[in-house]
N, C-alpha and C. Protein backbone atom coordinates (compact mmCIF):
# COMPACT_ATOMS: atom_id res chain seq x y z
N MET A 1 70.51 82.18 41.65
CA MET A 1 71.46 82.00 40.43
C MET A 1 72.13 81.02 41.14
N ILE A 2 72.85 81.12 42.24
CA ILE A 2 74.07 80.37 42.58
C ILE A 2 73.11 79.03 42.46
N PHE A 3 72.17 78.74 42.95
CA PHE A 3 71.33 77.80 43.52
C PHE A 3 71.28 76.70 42.02
N ARG A 4 70.67 77.79 40.96
CA ARG A 4 70.80 76.93 39.77
C ARG A 4 71.87 76.61 39.19
N LEU A 5 73.23 77.28 39.51
CA LEU A 5 74.22 77.13 38.92
C LEU A 5 74.72 75.20 39.88
N LEU A 6 74.37 75.26 40.91
CA LEU A 6 74.69 74.32 41.88
C LEU A 6 73.88 73.22 41.30
N ALA A 7 72.93 73.27 41.18
CA ALA A 7 72.15 72.16 40.66
C ALA A 7 72.37 71.74 39.07
N GLY A 8 72.84 72.77 38.23
CA GLY A 8 73.03 72.33 37.13
C GLY A 8 74.35 71.58 37.28
N ILE A 9 75.65 71.77 37.85
CA ILE A 9 76.74 71.00 38.06
C ILE A 9 76.06 69.76 38.62
N TRP A 10 75.43 69.63 39.64
CA TRP A 10 75.23 68.15 40.39
C TRP A 10 74.36 67.39 39.40
N ILE A 11 73.48 68.04 38.57
CA ILE A 11 72.84 67.01 37.46
C ILE A 11 73.80 66.60 36.43
N PHE A 12 74.80 67.54 35.78
CA PHE A 12 75.95 66.96 34.96
C PHE A 12 76.91 65.93 35.57
N CYS A 13 77.07 66.18 36.91
CA CYS A 13 77.97 65.01 37.43
C CYS A 13 77.76 63.92 37.58
N LEU A 14 76.01 63.89 37.57
CA LEU A 14 75.04 62.50 37.81
C LEU A 14 75.37 61.88 36.43
N LEU A 15 74.84 62.60 35.22
CA LEU A 15 74.76 62.09 33.78
C LEU A 15 76.39 61.76 33.81
N ALA A 16 77.35 62.52 33.96
CA ALA A 16 78.88 62.09 33.65
C ALA A 16 78.92 60.41 34.34
N TRP A 17 78.78 60.34 35.57
CA TRP A 17 78.73 59.32 36.44
C TRP A 17 78.26 57.82 35.82
N GLY A 18 77.00 58.43 35.55
CA GLY A 18 76.34 57.14 34.75
C GLY A 18 76.60 56.86 33.27
N HIS A 19 77.09 57.87 32.80
CA HIS A 19 78.08 57.72 31.68
C HIS A 19 79.21 56.53 31.35
N GLN A 20 79.86 57.16 32.85
CA GLN A 20 81.11 56.02 33.07
C GLN A 20 80.71 54.74 33.15
N LEU A 21 79.43 54.42 33.96
CA LEU A 21 79.14 53.31 34.38
C LEU A 21 78.44 52.41 33.10
N SER A 22 78.03 53.10 32.29
CA SER A 22 77.51 52.43 30.94
C SER A 22 78.89 51.88 30.07
N ILE A 23 79.79 52.72 30.12
CA ILE A 23 80.85 52.31 29.63
C ILE A 23 82.01 51.33 29.87
N GLY A 24 81.84 50.95 31.31
CA GLY A 24 82.52 50.06 31.79
C GLY A 24 82.40 48.85 31.57
N TRP A 25 81.21 48.33 31.30
CA TRP A 25 80.94 46.93 30.81
C TRP A 25 81.94 46.50 29.79
N ARG A 26 82.26 47.51 28.75
CA ARG A 26 83.00 47.25 27.70
C ARG A 26 84.27 46.83 27.77
N GLU A 27 84.92 47.89 28.63
CA GLU A 27 86.25 47.68 28.92
C GLU A 27 86.31 46.32 29.98
N GLU A 28 85.14 46.01 30.71
CA GLU A 28 85.45 44.90 31.31
C GLU A 28 85.59 43.74 30.14
N VAL A 29 84.83 43.79 29.30
CA VAL A 29 84.77 42.46 28.29
C VAL A 29 85.81 42.81 27.48
N GLN A 30 86.45 43.89 27.09
CA GLN A 30 87.76 43.74 26.05
C GLN A 30 89.16 43.17 26.85
N ARG A 31 89.30 43.35 28.41
CA ARG A 31 90.09 43.03 29.22
C ARG A 31 89.81 41.56 29.09
N CYS A 32 88.58 40.83 29.12
CA CYS A 32 88.34 39.38 29.37
C CYS A 32 88.52 38.75 27.99
N VAL A 33 88.26 39.43 26.77
CA VAL A 33 88.40 39.07 25.26
C VAL A 33 90.18 38.98 25.18
N GLU A 34 90.94 39.54 25.80
CA GLU A 34 92.29 39.71 25.52
C GLU A 34 92.90 38.70 25.96
N ALA A 35 92.26 38.47 27.24
CA ALA A 35 92.76 37.17 28.19
C ALA A 35 91.94 36.20 27.71
N ARG A 36 91.22 36.15 26.54
CA ARG A 36 90.80 34.66 26.34
C ARG A 36 89.88 34.12 27.37
N ASP A 37 89.10 35.07 28.38
CA ASP A 37 88.64 34.49 29.27
C ASP A 37 86.95 34.66 28.68
N TRP A 38 86.66 33.27 27.85
CA TRP A 38 84.94 33.77 27.17
C TRP A 38 84.19 33.75 28.19
N ALA A 39 83.94 32.97 29.16
CA ALA A 39 83.23 32.92 30.47
C ALA A 39 82.71 33.68 30.92
N THR A 40 83.95 34.47 31.51
CA THR A 40 83.67 36.04 32.39
C THR A 40 83.09 36.73 31.48
N ALA A 41 83.41 37.08 30.26
CA ALA A 41 83.00 38.14 29.10
C ALA A 41 81.79 37.96 28.68
N MET A 42 81.12 36.48 28.94
CA MET A 42 79.80 36.18 28.24
C MET A 42 78.97 36.62 29.55
N ASP A 43 79.33 36.16 30.98
CA ASP A 43 78.69 36.66 31.97
C ASP A 43 78.68 38.18 32.20
N ILE A 44 79.50 38.84 31.63
CA ILE A 44 79.31 40.40 31.97
C ILE A 44 78.13 40.89 30.63
N VAL A 45 78.19 40.10 29.71
CA VAL A 45 77.25 40.69 28.31
C VAL A 45 75.98 40.40 29.05
N ASP A 46 75.84 39.21 29.55
CA ASP A 46 74.73 38.35 29.68
C ASP A 46 73.88 39.32 30.57
N ARG A 47 74.80 40.04 31.82
CA ARG A 47 74.12 41.04 32.62
C ARG A 47 73.66 42.29 31.94
N GLU A 48 74.47 42.68 31.29
CA GLU A 48 74.20 43.84 30.48
C GLU A 48 72.84 43.54 29.44
N ILE A 49 72.89 42.45 28.94
CA ILE A 49 71.37 42.50 27.99
C ILE A 49 70.35 42.06 28.79
N ALA A 50 70.27 41.51 30.11
CA ALA A 50 69.25 41.86 31.12
C ALA A 50 68.90 43.17 31.82
N LEU A 51 69.87 43.70 31.87
CA LEU A 51 69.53 45.26 31.83
C LEU A 51 69.06 45.94 30.67
N ALA A 52 69.35 45.80 29.60
CA ALA A 52 68.94 46.18 27.99
C ALA A 52 68.69 45.26 27.19
N PRO A 53 67.67 44.51 26.96
CA PRO A 53 67.51 43.60 26.43
C PRO A 53 67.44 44.14 24.67
N GLN A 54 66.80 45.11 24.52
CA GLN A 54 66.72 45.67 23.54
C GLN A 54 67.75 46.27 22.52
N ASP A 55 69.06 46.34 23.27
CA ASP A 55 70.32 47.07 23.04
C ASP A 55 70.96 46.21 21.88
N MET A 56 70.93 46.28 20.62
CA MET A 56 71.34 45.35 19.59
C MET A 56 73.13 45.41 19.78
N ASP A 57 73.75 46.44 20.51
CA ASP A 57 74.91 46.64 20.57
C ASP A 57 75.69 45.72 21.48
N ILE A 58 74.85 45.48 22.69
CA ILE A 58 74.99 44.47 23.71
C ILE A 58 74.99 42.76 22.72
N ARG A 59 73.61 42.76 22.32
CA ARG A 59 73.91 41.46 21.62
C ARG A 59 74.55 41.18 20.46
N ALA A 60 75.44 42.38 20.17
CA ALA A 60 76.48 42.00 18.78
C ALA A 60 77.33 41.61 19.68
N TRP A 61 78.00 42.43 20.62
CA TRP A 61 78.96 41.71 21.46
C TRP A 61 79.05 40.31 22.03
N HIS A 62 77.68 40.01 22.45
CA HIS A 62 77.43 38.17 23.01
C HIS A 62 77.75 37.64 21.44
N ALA A 63 77.52 37.84 20.41
CA ALA A 63 77.76 37.12 19.43
C ALA A 63 79.20 37.09 18.86
N ARG A 64 79.65 38.15 19.19
CA ARG A 64 81.07 38.41 18.93
C ARG A 64 81.97 37.49 19.72
N ILE A 65 81.66 37.36 20.92
CA ILE A 65 82.31 36.56 21.95
C ILE A 65 81.92 34.92 21.57
N ARG A 66 80.91 34.73 21.21
CA ARG A 66 80.62 32.93 20.64
C ARG A 66 81.57 32.94 19.42
N MET A 67 81.32 33.83 18.76
CA MET A 67 82.30 33.65 17.77
C MET A 67 83.72 33.44 17.77
N TRP A 68 84.33 34.24 18.73
CA TRP A 68 85.60 33.99 19.13
C TRP A 68 85.87 32.99 19.88
N SER A 69 85.05 32.47 20.63
CA SER A 69 85.28 31.39 21.44
C SER A 69 84.97 30.33 20.69
N GLY A 70 84.74 30.06 19.60
CA GLY A 70 84.69 29.17 18.70
C GLY A 70 83.31 28.37 18.29
N LYS A 71 82.27 28.99 18.94
CA LYS A 71 80.87 28.70 18.94
C LYS A 71 80.28 29.38 17.38
N LEU A 72 80.71 28.88 16.71
CA LEU A 72 80.21 29.49 15.27
C LEU A 72 78.60 29.40 15.01
N ALA A 73 78.06 28.26 15.20
CA ALA A 73 77.02 27.91 15.14
C ALA A 73 75.92 29.15 15.78
N GLU A 74 76.29 29.03 16.82
CA GLU A 74 75.33 29.76 18.05
C GLU A 74 75.87 31.29 17.72
N ALA A 75 76.98 31.77 17.38
CA ALA A 75 77.10 33.26 16.98
C ALA A 75 76.37 33.40 15.55
N GLU A 76 76.41 32.25 14.62
CA GLU A 76 75.63 32.81 13.10
C GLU A 76 74.06 33.24 13.90
N ARG A 77 73.68 32.20 14.30
CA ARG A 77 72.26 32.04 15.09
C ARG A 77 71.97 33.72 15.40
N GLU A 78 72.75 33.91 16.32
CA GLU A 78 72.54 35.23 16.80
C GLU A 78 72.49 36.48 16.15
N TYR A 79 73.53 36.48 15.25
CA TYR A 79 73.78 37.52 14.07
C TYR A 79 72.60 37.73 12.95
N LEU A 80 71.96 36.49 13.20
CA LEU A 80 70.93 36.42 12.16
C LEU A 80 69.62 37.05 12.80
N GLU A 81 69.59 36.92 14.31
CA GLU A 81 68.63 37.23 14.95
C GLU A 81 68.65 38.82 15.02
N ILE A 82 69.88 39.36 15.25
CA ILE A 82 70.16 40.75 15.23
C ILE A 82 69.86 41.38 13.95
N LEU A 83 69.80 40.93 13.18
CA LEU A 83 69.70 41.44 11.34
C LEU A 83 68.11 41.59 11.47
N ALA A 84 67.44 40.31 11.79
CA ALA A 84 66.08 40.18 11.63
C ALA A 84 65.24 41.50 12.48
N VAL A 85 65.98 41.69 13.51
CA VAL A 85 65.29 42.96 14.48
C VAL A 85 65.52 44.47 13.78
N ASP A 86 66.79 44.56 13.46
CA ASP A 86 67.19 45.50 12.63
C ASP A 86 66.17 45.67 11.32
N SER A 87 65.71 44.77 10.08
CA SER A 87 65.45 44.71 9.59
C SER A 87 63.60 45.17 9.67
N ARG A 88 63.28 44.53 10.94
CA ARG A 88 61.76 45.13 11.38
C ARG A 88 61.96 46.56 11.56
N CYS A 89 63.10 46.69 12.39
CA CYS A 89 62.86 48.23 12.95
C CYS A 89 62.80 49.25 11.72
N ARG A 90 63.67 48.90 10.74
CA ARG A 90 63.68 49.70 9.51
C ARG A 90 62.62 49.58 8.73
N THR A 91 61.75 48.57 8.68
CA THR A 91 60.42 48.44 8.10
C THR A 91 59.51 49.55 8.65
N LYS A 92 59.43 49.29 9.84
CA LYS A 92 58.46 50.19 10.86
C LYS A 92 58.66 51.71 10.17
N ARG A 93 60.20 52.14 10.39
CA ARG A 93 60.61 53.65 10.11
C ARG A 93 59.99 53.83 8.84
N SER A 94 59.78 53.16 7.99
CA SER A 94 59.27 53.60 6.33
C SER A 94 58.30 53.83 6.33
C-alpha cells in the first residue's frame, strides 16, 4: 500500500515537473516580447517548433512575433498556413 502511494506521488511529481517545463517557454517569450527582443523570442519559438512541429499554438506565437517585429508579410503567410492546417483537421474530423 505504501509503495503504491509513493509511486503515485512520484508519478505526480514527474508530471508536474514536465508541465512546468512546457509552460516555461511561453514565459521566456513573453519576457522577450516585453523587451522587444524579437531575435531571442524567435529563437525560443523556433526551438519549440523543432520539438513539436504540429503544435499550432507554437506556430501562432511564431506568427505573432513576426507581426510584432514588423514582418507583416511573413506573419500573414504563417497565419494562412495555420488556417489551412486547421481547416484540413476540421475536414478530417467531419
